[in-house]
Amino acid sequence: MADYRISVVIPVLNEQEVLPELIRRLESVCDQMPTAEWQVIFVNDGSSDQTEEIIADKVSADGRFSLVCLSRNFGHQAALSAGLDHADGNAMISM
């Protein structure tokens, strides 16, 4: 059992080009913390590209990832707030 849980909240808007590398790097860093559970919460802030689909595929493959979809673009701060509302870690990291 983990000593603590870390929640990483990431608002995204039209990020399809960088998502695969971001996900790879997040997994690499988080997997190096053996005493912590972690979760990554992506908040789609009204993307019009394939951002939502890329994240949805990751969510279905790995339960440590989740996706919150906003109905339209509300802006970075609103998206961050929505993600924090869904986080349940002992520590929160925003990106």
PDB file of N, CA and C in Angstrom:
ATOM      1  N   MET A   1       0.841  -1.185   0.000  1.00  0.00           N
ATOM      2  CA  MET A   1       0.000   0.000   0.000  1.00  0.00           C
ATOM      3  C   MET A   1       0.885   1.247   0.000  1.00  0.00           C
ATOM      4  N   ALA A   2       0.474   2.241  -0.713  1.00  0.00           N
ATOM      5  CA  ALA A   2       1.245   3.473  -0.849  1.00  0.00           C
ATOM      6  C   ALA A   2       1.127   4.338   0.399  1.00  0.00           C
ATOM      7  N   ASP A   3       2.170   5.095   0.655  1.00  0.00           N
ATOM      8  CA  ASP A   3       2.182   6.005   1.796  1.00  0.00           C
ATOM      9  C   ASP A   3       1.309   7.234   1.557  1.00  0.00           C
ATOM     10  N   TYR A   4       1.211   7.644   0.298  1.00  0.00           N
ATOM     11  CA  TYR A   4       0.432   8.828  -0.037  1.00  0.00           C
ATOM     12  C   TYR A   4       0.032   8.775  -1.505  1.00  0.00           C
ATOM     13  N   ARG A   5      -0.852   9.693  -1.897  1.00  0.00           N
ATOM     14  CA  ARG A   5      -1.364   9.749  -3.272  1.00  0.00           C
ATOM     15  C   ARG A   5      -1.107  11.143  -3.827  1.00  0.00           C
ATOM     16  N   ILE A   6      -0.560  11.179  -5.024  1.00  0.00           N
ATOM     17  CA  ILE A   6      -0.279  12.435  -5.708  1.00  0.00           C
ATOM     18  C   ILE A   6      -1.247  12.582  -6.872  1.00  0.00           C
ATOM     19  N   SER A   7      -1.871  13.741  -6.963  1.00  0.00           N
ATOM     20  CA  SER A   7      -2.761  14.058  -8.086  1.00  0.00           C
ATOM     21  C   SER A   7      -2.080  15.117  -8.954  1.00  0.00           C
ATOM     22  N   VAL A   8      -1.953  14.825 -10.231  1.00  0.00           N
ATOM     23  CA  VAL A   8      -1.394  15.771 -11.197  1.00  0.00           C
ATOM     24  C   VAL A   8      -2.555  16.238 -12.064  1.00  0.00           C
ATOM     25  N   VAL A   9      -2.799  17.544 -12.082  1.00  0.00           N
ATOM     26  CA  VAL A   9      -3.914  18.110 -12.842  1.00  0.00           C
ATOM     27  C   VAL A   9      -3.347  18.911 -14.007  1.00  0.00           C
ATOM     28  N   ILE A  10      -3.834  18.581 -15.215  1.00  0.00           N
ATOM     29  CA  ILE A  10      -3.294  19.209 -16.421  1.00  0.00           C
ATOM     30  C   ILE A  10      -4.428  19.693 -17.319  1.00  0.00           C
ATOM     31  N   PRO A  11      -4.679  21.000 -17.358  1.00  0.00           N
ATOM     32  CA  PRO A  11      -5.619  21.534 -18.343  1.00  0.00           C
ATOM     33  C   PRO A  11      -4.999  21.430 -19.742  1.00  0.00           C
ATOM     34  N   VAL A  12      -5.789  21.031 -20.716  1.00  0.00           N
ATOM     35  CA  VAL A  12      -5.275  20.897 -22.084  1.00  0.00           C
ATOM     36  C   VAL A  12      -6.237  21.550 -23.074  1.00  0.00           C
ATOM     37  N   LEU A  13      -5.647  22.112 -24.103  1.00  0.00           N
ATOM     38  CA  LEU A  13      -6.418  22.716 -25.195  1.00  0.00           C
ATOM     39  C   LEU A  13      -5.628  22.509 -26.485  1.00  0.00           C
ATOM     40  N   ASN A  14      -6.144  21.653 -27.361  1.00  0.00           N
ATOM     41  CA  ASN A  14      -5.508  21.383 -28.653  1.00  0.00           C
ATOM     42  C   ASN A  14      -4.045  20.980 -28.499  1.00  0.00           C
ATOM     43  N   GLU A  15      -3.835  19.897 -27.766  1.00  0.00           N
ATOM     44  CA  GLU A  15      -2.485  19.437 -27.439  1.00  0.00           C
ATOM     45  C   GLU A  15      -2.122  18.108 -28.105  1.00  0.00           C
ATOM     46  N   GLN A  16      -2.794  17.739 -29.167  1.00  0.00           N
ATOM     47  CA  GLN A  16      -2.586  16.424 -29.758  1.00  0.00           C
ATOM     48  C   GLN A  16      -1.131  16.146 -30.135  1.00  0.00           C
ATOM     49  N   GLU A  17      -0.400  17.152 -30.517  1.00  0.00           N
ATOM     50  CA  GLU A  17       0.981  16.947 -30.958  1.00  0.00           C
ATOM     51  C   GLU A  17       1.912  16.571 -29.813  1.00  0.00           C
ATOM     52  N   VAL A  18       1.647  17.062 -28.611  1.00  0.00           N
ATOM     53  CA  VAL A  18       2.574  16.847 -27.497  1.00  0.00           C
ATOM     54  C   VAL A  18       2.100  15.796 -26.499  1.00  0.00           C
ATOM     55  N   LEU A  19       0.863  15.380 -26.576  1.00  0.00           N
ATOM     56  CA  LEU A  19       0.316  14.443 -25.584  1.00  0.00           C
ATOM     57  C   LEU A  19       1.059  13.119 -25.475  1.00  0.00           C
ATOM     58  N   PRO A  20       1.399  12.465 -26.573  1.00  0.00           N
ATOM     59  CA  PRO A  20       2.104  11.179 -26.414  1.00  0.00           C
ATOM     60  C   PRO A  20       3.414  11.326 -25.630  1.00  0.00           C
ATOM     61  N   GLU A  21       4.175  12.343 -25.905  1.00  0.00           N
ATOM     62  CA  GLU A  21       5.430  12.548 -25.173  1.00  0.00           C
ATOM     63  C   GLU A  21       5.169  12.955 -23.727  1.00  0.00           C
ATOM     64  N   LEU A  22       4.187  13.798 -23.492  1.00  0.00           N
ATOM     65  CA  LEU A  22       3.848  14.189 -22.125  1.00  0.00           C
ATOM     66  C   LEU A  22       3.442  12.965 -21.305  1.00  0.00           C
ATOM     67  N   ILE A  23       2.605  12.130 -21.848  1.00  0.00           N
ATOM     68  CA  ILE A  23       2.159  10.927 -21.149  1.00  0.00           C
ATOM     69  C   ILE A  23       3.345  10.012 -20.865  1.00  0.00           C
ATOM     70  N   ARG A  24       4.213   9.829 -21.832  1.00  0.00           N
ATOM     71  CA  ARG A  24       5.389   8.978 -21.642  1.00  0.00           C
ATOM     72  C   ARG A  24       6.258   9.512 -20.506  1.00  0.00           C
ATOM     73  N   ARG A  25       6.482  10.815 -20.482  1.00  0.00           N
ATOM     74  CA  ARG A  25       7.323  11.413 -19.443  1.00  0.00           C
ATOM     75  C   ARG A  25       6.657  11.346 -18.068  1.00  0.00           C
ATOM     76  N   LEU A  26       5.357  11.580 -18.017  1.00  0.00           N
ATOM     77  CA  LEU A  26       4.644  11.479 -16.738  1.00  0.00           C
ATOM     78  C   LEU A  26       4.759  10.077 -16.158  1.00  0.00           C
ATOM     79  N   GLU A  27       4.543   9.079 -16.984  1.00  0.00           N
ATOM     80  CA  GLU A  27       4.654   7.704 -16.515  1.00  0.00           C
ATOM     81  C   GLU A  27       6.070   7.409 -16.027  1.00  0.00           C
ATOM     82  N   SER A  28       7.054   7.874 -16.762  1.00  0.00           N
ATOM     83  CA  SER A  28       8.448   7.636 -16.394  1.00  0.00           C
ATOM     84  C   SER A  28       8.777   8.228 -15.024  1.00  0.00           C
ATOM     85  N   VAL A  29       8.355   9.455 -14.795  1.00  0.00           N
ATOM     86  CA  VAL A  29       8.642  10.117 -13.518  1.00  0.00           C
ATOM     87  C   VAL A  29       7.822   9.496 -12.391  1.00  0.00           C
ATOM     88  N   CYS A  30       6.552   9.330 -12.607  1.00  0.00           N
ATOM     89  CA  CYS A  30       5.679   8.828 -11.535  1.00  0.00           C
ATOM     90  C   CYS A  30       6.007   7.390 -11.156  1.00  0.00           C
ATOM     91  N   ASP A  31       6.415   6.587 -12.119  1.00  0.00           N
ATOM     92  CA  ASP A  31       6.749   5.201 -11.818  1.00  0.00           C
ATOM     93  C   ASP A  31       8.017   5.086 -10.968  1.00  0.00           C
ATOM     94  N   GLN A  32       8.770   6.152 -10.851  1.00  0.00           N
ATOM     95  CA  GLN A  32       9.976   6.144 -10.023  1.00  0.00           C
ATOM     96  C   GLN A  32       9.673   6.462  -8.559  1.00  0.00           C
ATOM     97  N   MET A  33       8.408   6.608  -8.224  1.00  0.00           N
ATOM     98  CA  MET A  33       8.001   6.899  -6.846  1.00  0.00           C
ATOM     99  C   MET A  33       7.299   5.669  -6.275  1.00  0.00           C
ATOM    100  N   PRO A  34       8.048   4.684  -5.808  1.00  0.00           N
ATOM    101  CA  PRO A  34       7.431   3.421  -5.406  1.00  0.00           C
ATOM    102  C   PRO A  34       6.560   3.505  -4.152  1.00  0.00           C
ATOM    103  N   THR A  35       6.722   4.549  -3.352  1.00  0.00           N
ATOM    104  CA  THR A  35       5.909   4.639  -2.132  1.00  0.00           C
ATOM    105  C   THR A  35       4.684   5.520  -2.316  1.00  0.00           C
ATOM    106  N   ALA A  36       4.431   5.951  -3.543  1.00  0.00           N
ATOM    107  CA  ALA A  36       3.289   6.838  -3.797  1.00  0.00           C
ATOM    108  C   ALA A  36       2.380   6.258  -4.872  1.00  0.00           C
ATOM    109  N   GLU A  37       1.096   6.385  -4.634  1.00  0.00           N
ATOM    110  CA  GLU A  37       0.127   6.183  -5.703  1.00  0.00           C
ATOM    111  C   GLU A  37       0.031   7.521  -6.419  1.00  0.00           C
ATOM    112  N   TRP A  38      -0.369   7.502  -7.670  1.00  0.00           N
ATOM    113  CA  TRP A  38      -0.538   8.758  -8.380  1.00  0.00           C
ATOM    114  C   TRP A  38      -1.669   8.646  -9.383  1.00  0.00           C
ATOM    115  N   GLN A  39      -2.185   9.815  -9.695  1.00  0.00           N
ATOM    116  CA  GLN A  39      -3.228   9.915 -10.708  1.00  0.00           C
ATOM    117  C   GLN A  39      -2.930  11.159 -11.547  1.00  0.00           C
ATOM    118  N   VAL A  40      -3.283  11.086 -12.809  1.00  0.00           N
ATOM    119  CA  VAL A  40      -3.165  12.234 -13.703  1.00  0.00           C
ATOM    120  C   VAL A  40      -4.565  12.555 -14.191  1.00  0.00           C
ATOM    121  N   ILE A  41      -4.980  13.794 -13.965  1.00  0.00           N
ATOM    122  CA  ILE A  41      -6.308  14.243 -14.397  1.00  0.00           C
ATOM    123  C   ILE A  41      -6.109  15.278 -15.496  1.00  0.00           C
ATOM    124  N   PHE A  42      -6.480  14.908 -16.700  1.00  0.00           N
ATOM    125  CA  PHE A  42      -6.468  15.848 -17.815  1.00  0.00           C
ATOM    126  C   PHE A  42      -7.829  16.531 -17.863  1.00  0.00           C
ATOM    127  N   VAL A  43      -7.833  17.840 -18.069  1.00  0.00           N
ATOM    128  CA  VAL A  43      -9.077  18.580 -18.232  1.00  0.00           C
ATOM    129  C   VAL A  43      -9.076  19.158 -19.639  1.00  0.00           C
ATOM    130  N   ASN A  44      -9.944  18.617 -20.489  1.00  0.00           N
ATOM    131  CA  ASN A  44     -10.061  19.099 -21.855  1.00  0.00           C
ATOM    132  C   ASN A  44     -10.891  20.379 -21.851  1.00  0.00           C
ATOM    133  N   ASP A  45     -10.241  21.471 -22.177  1.00  0.00           N
ATOM    134  CA  ASP A  45     -10.863  22.797 -22.116  1.00  0.00           C
ATOM    135  C   ASP A  45     -11.381  23.227 -23.484  1.00  0.00           C
ATOM    136  N   GLY A  46     -12.137  22.333 -24.135  1.00  0.00           N
ATOM    137  CA  GLY A  46     -12.778  22.674 -25.398  1.00  0.00           C
ATOM    138  C   GLY A  46     -11.918  22.463 -26.625  1.00  0.00           C
ATOM    139  N   SER A  47     -11.053  21.471 -26.614  1.00  0.00           N
ATOM    140  CA  SER A  47     -10.178  21.204 -27.763  1.00  0.00           C
ATOM    141  C   SER A  47     -10.983  20.887 -29.015  1.00  0.00           C
ATOM    142  N   SER A  48     -10.429  21.299 -30.156  1.00  0.00           N
ATOM    143  CA  SER A  48     -11.080  21.005 -31.437  1.00  0.00           C
ATOM    144  C   SER A  48     -10.257  20.023 -32.272  1.00  0.00           C
ATOM    145  N   ASP A  49      -9.159  19.515 -31.724  1.00  0.00           N
ATOM    146  CA  ASP A  49      -8.352  18.521 -32.424  1.00  0.00           C
ATOM    147  C   ASP A  49      -8.591  17.140 -31.797  1.00  0.00           C
ATOM    148  N   GLN A  50      -7.637  16.248 -31.856  1.00  0.00           N
ATOM    149  CA  GLN A  50      -7.796  14.884 -31.355  1.00  0.00           C
ATOM    150  C   GLN A  50      -7.366  14.715 -29.890  1.00  0.00           C
ATOM    151  N   THR A  51      -7.208  15.825 -29.177  1.00  0.00           N
ATOM    152  CA  THR A  51      -6.777  15.776 -27.782  1.00  0.00           C
ATOM    153  C   THR A  51      -7.654  14.851 -26.953  1.00  0.00           C
ATOM    154  N   GLU A  52      -8.949  15.030 -27.015  1.00  0.00           N
ATOM    155  CA  GLU A  52      -9.864  14.221 -26.199  1.00  0.00           C
ATOM    156  C   GLU A  52      -9.740  12.736 -26.521  1.00  0.00           C
ATOM    157  N   GLU A  53      -9.648  12.393 -27.786  1.00  0.00           N
ATOM    158  CA  GLU A  53      -9.565  10.995 -28.183  1.00  0.00           C
ATOM    159  C   GLU A  53      -8.264  10.346 -27.706  1.00  0.00           C
ATOM    160  N   ILE A  54      -7.157  11.074 -27.807  1.00  0.00           N
ATOM    161  CA  ILE A  54      -5.870  10.538 -27.358  1.00  0.00           C
ATOM    162  C   ILE A  54      -5.912  10.250 -25.861  1.00  0.00           C
ATOM    163  N   ILE A  55      -6.448  11.187 -25.100  1.00  0.00           N
ATOM    164  CA  ILE A  55      -6.522  10.998 -23.650  1.00  0.00           C
ATOM    165  C   ILE A  55      -7.513   9.888 -23.308  1.00  0.00           C
ATOM    166  N   ALA A  56      -8.640   9.848 -23.989  1.00  0.00           N
ATOM    167  CA  ALA A  56      -9.639   8.802 -23.724  1.00  0.00           C
ATOM    168  C   ALA A  56      -9.050   7.414 -23.951  1.00  0.00           C
ATOM    169  N   ASP A  57      -8.228   7.264 -24.974  1.00  0.00           N
ATOM    170  CA  ASP A  57      -7.568   5.985 -25.217  1.00  0.00           C
ATOM    171  C   ASP A  57      -6.662   5.619 -24.050  1.00  0.00           C
ATOM    172  N   LYS A  58      -5.914   6.590 -23.530  1.00  0.00           N
ATOM    173  CA  LYS A  58      -5.026   6.335 -22.401  1.00  0.00           C
ATOM    174  C   LYS A  58      -5.823   5.994 -21.149  1.00  0.00           C
ATOM    175  N   VAL A  59      -6.913   6.713 -20.931  1.00  0.00           N
ATOM    176  CA  VAL A  59      -7.765   6.458 -19.763  1.00  0.00           C
ATOM    177  C   VAL A  59      -8.299   5.027 -19.791  1.00  0.00           C
ATOM    178  N   SER A  60      -8.717   4.562 -20.950  1.00  0.00           N
ATOM    179  CA  SER A  60      -9.267   3.203 -21.039  1.00  0.00           C
ATOM    180  C   SER A  60      -8.191   2.135 -20.837  1.00  0.00           C
ATOM    181  N   ALA A  61      -6.930   2.488 -21.086  1.00  0.00           N
ATOM    182  CA  ALA A  61      -5.838   1.527 -20.939  1.00  0.00           C
ATOM    183  C   ALA A  61      -5.172   1.570 -19.566  1.00  0.00           C
ATOM    184  N   ASP A  62      -5.322   2.673 -18.849  1.00  0.00           N
ATOM    185  CA  ASP A  62      -4.589   2.854 -17.592  1.00  0.00           C
ATOM    186  C   ASP A  62      -5.448   3.638 -16.611  1.00  0.00           C
ATOM    187  N   GLY A  63      -5.881   2.984 -15.555  1.00  0.00           N
ATOM    188  CA  GLY A  63      -6.776   3.586 -14.577  1.00  0.00           C
ATOM    189  C   GLY A  63      -6.182   4.724 -13.771  1.00  0.00           C
ATOM    190  N   ARG A  64      -4.879   4.959 -13.884  1.00  0.00           N
ATOM    191  CA  ARG A  64      -4.260   6.084 -13.171  1.00  0.00           C
ATOM    192  C   ARG A  64      -4.520   7.415 -13.875  1.00  0.00           C
ATOM    193  N   PHE A  65      -5.028   7.348 -15.092  1.00  0.00           N
ATOM    194  CA  PHE A  65      -5.330   8.543 -15.870  1.00  0.00           C
ATOM    195  C   PHE A  65      -6.839   8.739 -15.920  1.00  0.00           C
ATOM    196  N   SER A  66      -7.257  10.002 -15.864  1.00  0.00           N
ATOM    197  CA  SER A  66      -8.677  10.306 -16.014  1.00  0.00           C
ATOM    198  C   SER A  66      -8.835  11.563 -16.852  1.00  0.00           C
ATOM    199  N   LEU A  67     -10.043  11.763 -17.330  1.00  0.00           N
ATOM    200  CA  LEU A  67     -10.341  12.873 -18.230  1.00  0.00           C
ATOM    201  C   LEU A  67     -11.616  13.568 -17.793  1.00  0.00           C
ATOM    202  N   VAL A  68     -11.530  14.874 -17.660  1.00  0.00           N
ATOM    203  CA  VAL A  68     -12.690  15.726 -17.409  1.00  0.00           C
ATOM    204  C   VAL A  68     -12.847  16.574 -18.666  1.00  0.00           C
ATOM    205  N   CYS A  69     -14.029  16.572 -19.247  1.00  0.00           N
ATOM    206  CA  CYS A  69     -14.274  17.353 -20.469  1.00  0.00           C
ATOM    207  C   CYS A  69     -15.215  18.506 -20.162  1.00  0.00           C
ATOM    208  N   LEU A  70     -14.764  19.702 -20.450  1.00  0.00           N
ATOM    209  CA  LEU A  70     -15.618  20.881 -20.301  1.00  0.00           C
ATOM    210  C   LEU A  70     -16.421  21.059 -21.579  1.00  0.00           C
ATOM    211  N   SER A  71     -17.582  21.651 -21.477  1.00  0.00           N
ATOM    212  CA  SER A  71     -18.492  21.772 -22.621  1.00  0.00           C
ATOM    213  C   SER A  71     -17.991  22.742 -23.686  1.00  0.00           C
ATOM    214  N   ARG A  72     -17.086  23.631 -23.298  1.00  0.00           N
ATOM    215  CA  ARG A  72     -16.485  24.599 -24.225  1.00  0.00           C
ATOM    216  C   ARG A  72     -15.221  25.121 -23.560  1.00  0.00           C
ATOM    217  N   ASN A  73     -14.544  26.038 -24.211  1.00  0.00           N
ATOM    218  CA  ASN A  73     -13.341  26.638 -23.642  1.00  0.00           C
ATOM    219  C   ASN A  73     -13.726  27.649 -22.567  1.00  0.00           C
ATOM    220  N   PHE A  74     -13.341  27.355 -21.333  1.00  0.00           N
ATOM    221  CA  PHE A  74     -13.593  28.262 -20.219  1.00  0.00           C
ATOM    222  C   PHE A  74     -12.335  28.980 -19.757  1.00  0.00           C
ATOM    223  N   GLY A  75     -11.184  28.572 -20.265  1.00  0.00           N
ATOM    224  CA  GLY A  75      -9.924  29.185 -19.875  1.00  0.00           C
ATOM    225  C   GLY A  75      -9.152  28.311 -18.900  1.00  0.00           C
ATOM    226  N   HIS A  76      -7.860  28.570 -18.847  1.00  0.00           N
ATOM    227  CA  HIS A  76      -6.936  27.751 -18.060  1.00  0.00           C
ATOM    228  C   HIS A  76      -7.320  27.665 -16.589  1.00  0.00           C
ATOM    229  N   GLN A  77      -7.637  28.776 -15.952  1.00  0.00           N
ATOM    230  CA  GLN A  77      -7.922  28.769 -14.517  1.00  0.00           C
ATOM    231  C   GLN A  77      -9.188  27.982 -14.193  1.00  0.00           C
ATOM    232  N   ALA A  78     -10.214  28.127 -15.004  1.00  0.00           N
ATOM    233  CA  ALA A  78     -11.452  27.365 -14.776  1.00  0.00           C
ATOM    234  C   ALA A  78     -11.200  25.873 -14.984  1.00  0.00           C
ATOM    235  N   ALA A  79     -10.401  25.541 -15.997  1.00  0.00           N
ATOM    236  CA  ALA A  79     -10.084  24.135 -16.245  1.00  0.00           C
ATOM    237  C   ALA A  79      -9.264  23.554 -15.093  1.00  0.00           C
ATOM    238  N   LEU A  80      -8.324  24.317 -14.602  1.00  0.00           N
ATOM    239  CA  LEU A  80      -7.526  23.869 -13.464  1.00  0.00           C
ATOM    240  C   LEU A  80      -8.411  23.637 -12.240  1.00  0.00           C
ATOM    241  N   SER A  81      -9.308  24.549 -11.986  1.00  0.00           N
ATOM    242  CA  SER A  81     -10.228  24.415 -10.856  1.00  0.00           C
ATOM    243  C   SER A  81     -11.093  23.156 -11.003  1.00  0.00           C
ATOM    244  N   ALA A  82     -11.574  22.891 -12.207  1.00  0.00           N
ATOM    245  CA  ALA A  82     -12.382  21.690 -12.445  1.00  0.00           C
ATOM    246  C   ALA A  82     -11.566  20.436 -12.157  1.00  0.00           C
ATOM    247  N   GLY A  83     -10.308  20.431 -12.577  1.00  0.00           N
ATOM    248  CA  GLY A  83      -9.456  19.277 -12.316  1.00  0.00           C
ATOM    249  C   GLY A  83      -9.191  19.083 -10.838  1.00  0.00           C
ATOM    250  N   LEU A  84      -8.943  20.169 -10.130  1.00  0.00           N
ATOM    251  CA  LEU A  84      -8.700  20.073  -8.691  1.00  0.00           C
ATOM    252  C   LEU A  84      -9.928  19.546  -7.959  1.00  0.00           C
ATOM    253  N   ASP A  85     -11.114  19.889  -8.461  1.00  0.00           N
ATOM    254  CA  ASP A  85     -12.355  19.371  -7.870  1.00  0.00           C
ATOM    255  C   ASP A  85     -12.448  17.849  -7.994  1.00  0.00           C
ATOM    256  N   HIS A  86     -11.803  17.269  -8.999  1.00  0.00           N
ATOM    257  CA  HIS A  86     -11.855  15.823  -9.211  1.00  0.00           C
ATOM    258  C   HIS A  86     -10.672  15.085  -8.579  1.00  0.00           C
ATOM    259  N   ALA A  87      -9.697  15.812  -8.105  1.00  0.00           N
ATOM    260  CA  ALA A  87      -8.494  15.200  -7.539  1.00  0.00           C
ATOM    261  C   ALA A  87      -8.756  14.726  -6.110  1.00  0.00           C
ATOM    262  N   ASP A  88      -8.105  13.628  -5.735  1.00  0.00           N
ATOM    263  CA  ASP A  88      -8.290  13.120  -4.377  1.00  0.00           C
ATOM    264  C   ASP A  88      -6.956  12.780  -3.701  1.00  0.00           C
ATOM    265  N   GLY A  89      -5.877  13.343  -4.213  1.00  0.00           N
ATOM    266  CA  GLY A  89      -4.568  13.055  -3.638  1.00  0.00           C
ATOM    267  C   GLY A  89      -4.297  13.809  -2.352  1.00  0.00           C
ATOM    268  N   ASN A  90      -3.253  13.357  -1.644  1.00  0.00           N
ATOM    269  CA  ASN A  90      -2.762  14.069  -0.480  1.00  0.00           C
ATOM    270  C   ASN A  90      -1.978  15.310  -0.888  1.00  0.00           C
ATOM    271  N   ALA A  91      -1.439  15.267  -2.099  1.00  0.00           N
ATOM    272  CA  ALA A  91      -0.713  16.404  -2.674  1.00  0.00           C
ATOM    273  C   ALA A  91      -1.205  16.599  -4.092  1.00  0.00           C
ATOM    274  N   MET A  92      -1.285  17.850  -4.511  1.00  0.00           N
ATOM    275  CA  MET A  92      -1.754  18.184  -5.852  1.00  0.00           C
ATOM    276  C   MET A  92      -0.635  18.905  -6.591  1.00  0.00           C
ATOM    277  N   ILE A  93      -0.451  18.544  -7.842  1.00  0.00           N
ATOM    278  CA  ILE A  93       0.502  19.210  -8.709  1.00  0.00           C
ATOM    279  C   ILE A  93      -0.268  19.714  -9.912  1.00  0.00           C
ATOM    280  N   SER A  94      -0.140  20.987 -10.232  1.00  0.00           N
ATOM    281  CA  SER A  94      -0.800  21.524 -11.427  1.00  0.00           C
ATOM    282  C   SER A  94       0.258  21.796 -12.481  1.00  0.00           C
ATOM    283  N   MET A  95      -0.118  21.536 -13.701  1.00  0.00           N
ATOM    284  CA  MET A  95       0.789  21.805 -14.818  1.00  0.00           C
ATOM    285  C   MET A  95       0.084  22.729 -15.785  1.00  0.00           C
TER     286      MET A  95
END
